[in-house]
Amino acid sequence: MKTEIYFSVNTPLGVDVRTTVQYWEYLITIKHPVMKNKEGIVKSVLQMPDEIRQSKIGKDIFLYYKQYDRLYCVVVKHAGMEGFLITAYPADKVKEGDVIWTR
């Protein structure tokens, strides 16, 4: 079982967000195949988002948004100064939630 870290990125909130090789594979094969080969975009959204919102679902869930060829959303669970990638996908619009940070 591969649990090595695939990438780890520091966000403007000072949170280190990481994902494993295994989880990234799951994300691009099962959850959002459209994100295959878009690791660079996901890292960039986390490092330099246009906006970060706190989810209405839970206070430890954060949505990072950035506009590229289209709008992307990267969803992260924060646990103190560590974060774990939940999912990433092209978004139609920014979801409701409290704005925590903007560029």
N, C-alpha and C. Protein backbone atom coordinates (compact mmCIF):
# COMPACT_ATOMS: atom_id res chain seq x y z
N MET A 1 0.85 -1.19 0.00
CA MET A 1 0.00 0.00 0.00
C MET A 1 0.89 1.25 0.00
N LYS A 2 0.66 2.11 -0.99
CA LYS A 2 1.49 3.31 -1.09
C LYS A 2 0.88 4.45 -0.27
N THR A 3 1.56 4.82 0.78
CA THR A 3 1.06 5.95 1.57
C THR A 3 2.08 7.08 1.59
N GLU A 4 3.05 7.05 0.66
CA GLU A 4 4.02 8.14 0.66
C GLU A 4 3.34 9.43 0.20
N ILE A 5 3.85 10.54 0.70
CA ILE A 5 3.30 11.85 0.36
C ILE A 5 3.55 12.14 -1.12
N TYR A 6 2.49 12.50 -1.82
CA TYR A 6 2.59 12.83 -3.23
C TYR A 6 3.01 14.28 -3.40
N PHE A 7 2.36 15.16 -2.66
CA PHE A 7 2.82 16.55 -2.58
C PHE A 7 2.33 17.19 -1.29
N SER A 8 3.04 18.23 -0.89
CA SER A 8 2.72 18.99 0.30
C SER A 8 2.92 20.45 -0.06
N VAL A 9 1.92 21.27 0.23
CA VAL A 9 1.93 22.67 -0.17
C VAL A 9 1.53 23.55 1.00
N ASN A 10 2.22 24.68 1.15
CA ASN A 10 1.87 25.62 2.21
C ASN A 10 0.90 26.65 1.65
N THR A 11 -0.19 26.90 2.38
CA THR A 11 -1.22 27.84 1.94
C THR A 11 -1.00 29.22 2.57
N PRO A 12 -1.71 30.24 2.07
CA PRO A 12 -1.59 31.58 2.68
C PRO A 12 -2.03 31.61 4.14
N LEU A 13 -2.76 30.60 4.59
CA LEU A 13 -3.18 30.54 5.99
C LEU A 13 -2.11 29.89 6.86
N GLY A 14 -1.00 29.46 6.22
CA GLY A 14 0.08 28.82 6.96
C GLY A 14 -0.16 27.33 7.22
N VAL A 15 -1.16 26.79 6.54
CA VAL A 15 -1.49 25.37 6.71
C VAL A 15 -0.74 24.55 5.66
N ASP A 16 -0.11 23.46 6.10
CA ASP A 16 0.56 22.55 5.18
C ASP A 16 -0.45 21.52 4.70
N VAL A 17 -0.81 21.59 3.42
CA VAL A 17 -1.79 20.66 2.86
C VAL A 17 -1.05 19.58 2.10
N ARG A 18 -1.42 18.32 2.39
CA ARG A 18 -0.74 17.24 1.69
C ARG A 18 -1.73 16.17 1.25
N THR A 19 -1.24 15.36 0.31
CA THR A 19 -2.00 14.20 -0.14
C THR A 19 -1.02 13.09 -0.45
N THR A 20 -1.51 11.87 -0.40
CA THR A 20 -0.66 10.72 -0.69
C THR A 20 -0.81 10.30 -2.14
N VAL A 21 0.13 9.51 -2.61
CA VAL A 21 0.09 8.97 -3.97
C VAL A 21 -1.22 8.20 -4.15
N GLN A 22 -1.53 7.38 -3.18
CA GLN A 22 -2.72 6.53 -3.24
C GLN A 22 -4.01 7.35 -3.31
N TYR A 23 -4.09 8.40 -2.49
CA TYR A 23 -5.31 9.20 -2.49
C TYR A 23 -5.45 9.99 -3.79
N TRP A 24 -4.34 10.51 -4.31
CA TRP A 24 -4.39 11.25 -5.58
C TRP A 24 -4.90 10.32 -6.69
N GLU A 25 -4.40 9.08 -6.71
CA GLU A 25 -4.85 8.10 -7.71
C GLU A 25 -6.36 7.89 -7.61
N TYR A 26 -6.86 7.76 -6.39
CA TYR A 26 -8.29 7.59 -6.15
C TYR A 26 -9.06 8.81 -6.67
N LEU A 27 -8.53 9.99 -6.37
CA LEU A 27 -9.20 11.22 -6.78
C LEU A 27 -9.32 11.31 -8.31
N ILE A 28 -8.23 11.01 -9.03
CA ILE A 28 -8.26 11.18 -10.49
C ILE A 28 -8.85 9.99 -11.24
N THR A 29 -9.03 8.85 -10.57
CA THR A 29 -9.65 7.72 -11.27
C THR A 29 -11.12 7.57 -10.91
N ILE A 30 -11.47 7.80 -9.64
CA ILE A 30 -12.85 7.58 -9.18
C ILE A 30 -13.66 8.88 -9.05
N LYS A 31 -13.15 9.82 -8.23
CA LYS A 31 -13.93 11.02 -7.91
C LYS A 31 -14.02 12.02 -9.06
N HIS A 32 -12.87 12.48 -9.55
CA HIS A 32 -12.86 13.53 -10.57
C HIS A 32 -11.78 13.26 -11.63
N PRO A 33 -12.07 12.33 -12.56
CA PRO A 33 -11.09 12.01 -13.61
C PRO A 33 -10.65 13.23 -14.42
N VAL A 34 -11.50 14.27 -14.45
CA VAL A 34 -11.18 15.49 -15.18
C VAL A 34 -9.91 16.16 -14.60
N MET A 35 -9.54 15.80 -13.37
CA MET A 35 -8.37 16.41 -12.72
C MET A 35 -7.07 15.67 -13.01
N LYS A 36 -7.12 14.63 -13.82
CA LYS A 36 -5.90 13.89 -14.18
C LYS A 36 -4.90 14.86 -14.82
N ASN A 37 -3.65 14.75 -14.42
CA ASN A 37 -2.56 15.62 -14.91
C ASN A 37 -2.72 17.09 -14.53
N LYS A 38 -3.53 17.35 -13.51
CA LYS A 38 -3.72 18.74 -13.07
C LYS A 38 -3.15 18.99 -11.67
N GLU A 39 -2.15 18.21 -11.29
CA GLU A 39 -1.51 18.40 -9.99
C GLU A 39 -0.98 19.82 -9.86
N GLY A 40 -0.41 20.33 -10.94
CA GLY A 40 0.15 21.68 -10.93
C GLY A 40 -0.90 22.73 -10.60
N ILE A 41 -2.08 22.56 -11.17
CA ILE A 41 -3.17 23.50 -10.90
C ILE A 41 -3.59 23.39 -9.44
N VAL A 42 -3.73 22.16 -8.94
CA VAL A 42 -4.14 21.96 -7.55
C VAL A 42 -3.13 22.62 -6.60
N LYS A 43 -1.85 22.42 -6.85
CA LYS A 43 -0.81 23.03 -6.00
C LYS A 43 -0.90 24.54 -6.05
N SER A 44 -1.09 25.08 -7.25
CA SER A 44 -1.16 26.52 -7.42
C SER A 44 -2.39 27.12 -6.74
N VAL A 45 -3.53 26.41 -6.83
CA VAL A 45 -4.75 26.88 -6.17
C VAL A 45 -4.48 26.98 -4.66
N LEU A 46 -3.77 25.99 -4.11
CA LEU A 46 -3.49 25.99 -2.68
C LEU A 46 -2.47 27.06 -2.29
N GLN A 47 -1.45 27.26 -3.13
CA GLN A 47 -0.39 28.24 -2.81
C GLN A 47 -0.83 29.67 -3.03
N MET A 48 -1.57 29.91 -4.12
CA MET A 48 -1.96 31.27 -4.49
C MET A 48 -3.42 31.34 -4.89
N PRO A 49 -4.33 31.04 -3.96
CA PRO A 49 -5.75 31.07 -4.31
C PRO A 49 -6.24 32.50 -4.53
N ASP A 50 -7.36 32.62 -5.24
CA ASP A 50 -8.01 33.93 -5.36
C ASP A 50 -8.80 34.18 -4.08
N GLU A 51 -9.31 33.07 -3.51
CA GLU A 51 -10.17 33.19 -2.35
C GLU A 51 -10.19 31.88 -1.56
N ILE A 52 -10.32 31.99 -0.24
CA ILE A 52 -10.47 30.81 0.61
C ILE A 52 -11.76 31.02 1.40
N ARG A 53 -12.62 30.01 1.39
CA ARG A 53 -13.88 30.08 2.15
C ARG A 53 -13.95 28.92 3.13
N GLN A 54 -14.64 29.18 4.22
CA GLN A 54 -14.89 28.12 5.20
C GLN A 54 -16.24 27.52 4.82
N SER A 55 -16.27 26.21 4.69
CA SER A 55 -17.48 25.51 4.26
C SER A 55 -18.61 25.65 5.26
N LYS A 56 -19.83 25.63 4.74
CA LYS A 56 -21.01 25.63 5.59
C LYS A 56 -21.19 24.24 6.22
N ILE A 57 -20.58 23.23 5.60
CA ILE A 57 -20.71 21.84 6.07
C ILE A 57 -20.00 21.62 7.41
N GLY A 58 -18.78 22.17 7.52
CA GLY A 58 -18.03 21.98 8.75
C GLY A 58 -16.97 23.04 8.91
N LYS A 59 -16.70 23.42 10.14
CA LYS A 59 -15.76 24.53 10.35
C LYS A 59 -14.30 24.14 10.08
N ASP A 60 -14.02 22.85 9.90
CA ASP A 60 -12.66 22.44 9.57
C ASP A 60 -12.48 22.15 8.07
N ILE A 61 -13.53 22.45 7.28
CA ILE A 61 -13.47 22.24 5.83
C ILE A 61 -13.33 23.60 5.13
N PHE A 62 -12.31 23.70 4.29
CA PHE A 62 -12.02 24.95 3.59
C PHE A 62 -12.00 24.73 2.09
N LEU A 63 -12.54 25.71 1.37
CA LEU A 63 -12.60 25.65 -0.08
C LEU A 63 -11.68 26.73 -0.65
N TYR A 64 -10.72 26.28 -1.44
CA TYR A 64 -9.75 27.18 -2.08
C TYR A 64 -10.16 27.34 -3.53
N TYR A 65 -10.29 28.59 -3.98
CA TYR A 65 -10.71 28.86 -5.35
C TYR A 65 -9.67 29.63 -6.12
N LYS A 66 -9.53 29.31 -7.41
CA LYS A 66 -8.65 30.08 -8.29
C LYS A 66 -9.15 29.93 -9.72
N GLN A 67 -9.10 31.04 -10.44
CA GLN A 67 -9.51 31.07 -11.85
C GLN A 67 -8.31 30.78 -12.74
N TYR A 68 -8.45 29.80 -13.62
CA TYR A 68 -7.45 29.51 -14.65
C TYR A 68 -8.15 29.58 -15.98
N ASP A 69 -8.05 28.50 -16.75
CA ASP A 69 -8.83 28.39 -17.98
C ASP A 69 -10.31 28.35 -17.58
N ARG A 70 -10.53 27.95 -16.33
CA ARG A 70 -11.86 27.94 -15.71
C ARG A 70 -11.65 28.01 -14.21
N LEU A 71 -12.74 28.05 -13.46
CA LEU A 71 -12.64 28.13 -12.00
C LEU A 71 -12.37 26.74 -11.42
N TYR A 72 -11.41 26.67 -10.52
CA TYR A 72 -11.12 25.41 -9.83
C TYR A 72 -11.35 25.56 -8.34
N CYS A 73 -11.82 24.48 -7.73
CA CYS A 73 -12.03 24.44 -6.29
C CYS A 73 -11.23 23.28 -5.72
N VAL A 74 -10.47 23.55 -4.68
CA VAL A 74 -9.74 22.50 -3.97
C VAL A 74 -10.27 22.50 -2.54
N VAL A 75 -10.78 21.34 -2.11
CA VAL A 75 -11.39 21.22 -0.79
C VAL A 75 -10.40 20.54 0.15
N VAL A 76 -10.20 21.18 1.31
CA VAL A 76 -9.20 20.73 2.26
C VAL A 76 -9.80 20.63 3.67
N LYS A 77 -9.40 19.60 4.38
CA LYS A 77 -9.77 19.51 5.80
C LYS A 77 -8.57 20.02 6.59
N HIS A 78 -8.80 21.04 7.43
CA HIS A 78 -7.73 21.57 8.27
C HIS A 78 -7.77 20.88 9.62
N ALA A 79 -6.58 20.50 10.10
CA ALA A 79 -6.44 19.95 11.46
C ALA A 79 -5.26 20.69 12.07
N GLY A 80 -5.55 21.82 12.70
CA GLY A 80 -4.48 22.67 13.21
C GLY A 80 -3.73 23.27 12.05
N MET A 81 -2.41 23.11 12.02
CA MET A 81 -1.60 23.67 10.94
C MET A 81 -1.35 22.65 9.83
N GLU A 82 -2.07 21.52 9.90
CA GLU A 82 -1.96 20.52 8.84
C GLU A 82 -3.28 20.46 8.09
N GLY A 83 -3.18 20.15 6.81
CA GLY A 83 -4.37 20.03 6.00
C GLY A 83 -4.30 18.80 5.12
N PHE A 84 -5.46 18.26 4.80
CA PHE A 84 -5.52 17.06 3.99
C PHE A 84 -6.46 17.30 2.82
N LEU A 85 -5.98 17.00 1.64
CA LEU A 85 -6.77 17.18 0.43
C LEU A 85 -7.99 16.26 0.49
N ILE A 86 -9.17 16.83 0.31
CA ILE A 86 -10.39 16.01 0.25
C ILE A 86 -10.74 15.78 -1.21
N THR A 87 -10.81 16.86 -1.97
CA THR A 87 -11.10 16.72 -3.39
C THR A 87 -10.71 17.99 -4.13
N ALA A 88 -10.75 17.91 -5.45
CA ALA A 88 -10.45 19.05 -6.31
C ALA A 88 -11.24 18.86 -7.59
N TYR A 89 -11.79 19.96 -8.10
CA TYR A 89 -12.62 19.84 -9.30
C TYR A 89 -12.82 21.21 -9.96
N PRO A 90 -13.16 21.20 -11.25
CA PRO A 90 -13.54 22.46 -11.91
C PRO A 90 -14.91 22.85 -11.35
N ALA A 91 -15.09 24.10 -10.98
CA ALA A 91 -16.35 24.55 -10.37
C ALA A 91 -17.10 25.48 -11.31
N ASP A 92 -18.42 25.43 -11.22
CA ASP A 92 -19.25 26.34 -12.01
C ASP A 92 -19.30 27.71 -11.36
N LYS A 93 -19.33 27.69 -10.02
CA LYS A 93 -19.38 28.94 -9.28
C LYS A 93 -18.82 28.73 -7.88
N VAL A 94 -18.54 29.84 -7.21
CA VAL A 94 -18.04 29.79 -5.84
C VAL A 94 -19.22 29.44 -4.92
N LYS A 95 -19.02 28.44 -4.07
CA LYS A 95 -20.08 28.02 -3.15
C LYS A 95 -20.21 29.00 -1.98
N GLU A 96 -21.35 28.92 -1.33
CA GLU A 96 -21.57 29.76 -0.15
C GLU A 96 -20.63 29.33 0.96
N GLY A 97 -20.34 30.26 1.82
CA GLY A 97 -19.44 29.98 2.93
C GLY A 97 -18.79 31.29 3.34
N ASP A 98 -18.22 31.32 4.52
CA ASP A 98 -17.60 32.54 5.00
C ASP A 98 -16.25 32.74 4.32
N VAL A 99 -16.03 33.94 3.79
CA VAL A 99 -14.75 34.25 3.17
C VAL A 99 -13.72 34.43 4.28
N ILE A 100 -12.66 33.63 4.21
CA ILE A 100 -11.62 33.64 5.23
C ILE A 100 -10.42 34.47 4.75
N TRP A 101 -10.16 34.41 3.44
CA TRP A 101 -8.98 35.06 2.88
C TRP A 101 -9.24 35.38 1.42
N THR A 102 -8.76 36.55 0.97
CA THR A 102 -8.80 36.86 -0.46
C THR A 102 -7.48 37.46 -0.88
N ARG A 103 -7.18 37.30 -2.16
CA ARG A 103 -5.92 37.79 -2.70
C ARG A 103 -5.94 39.31 -2.75
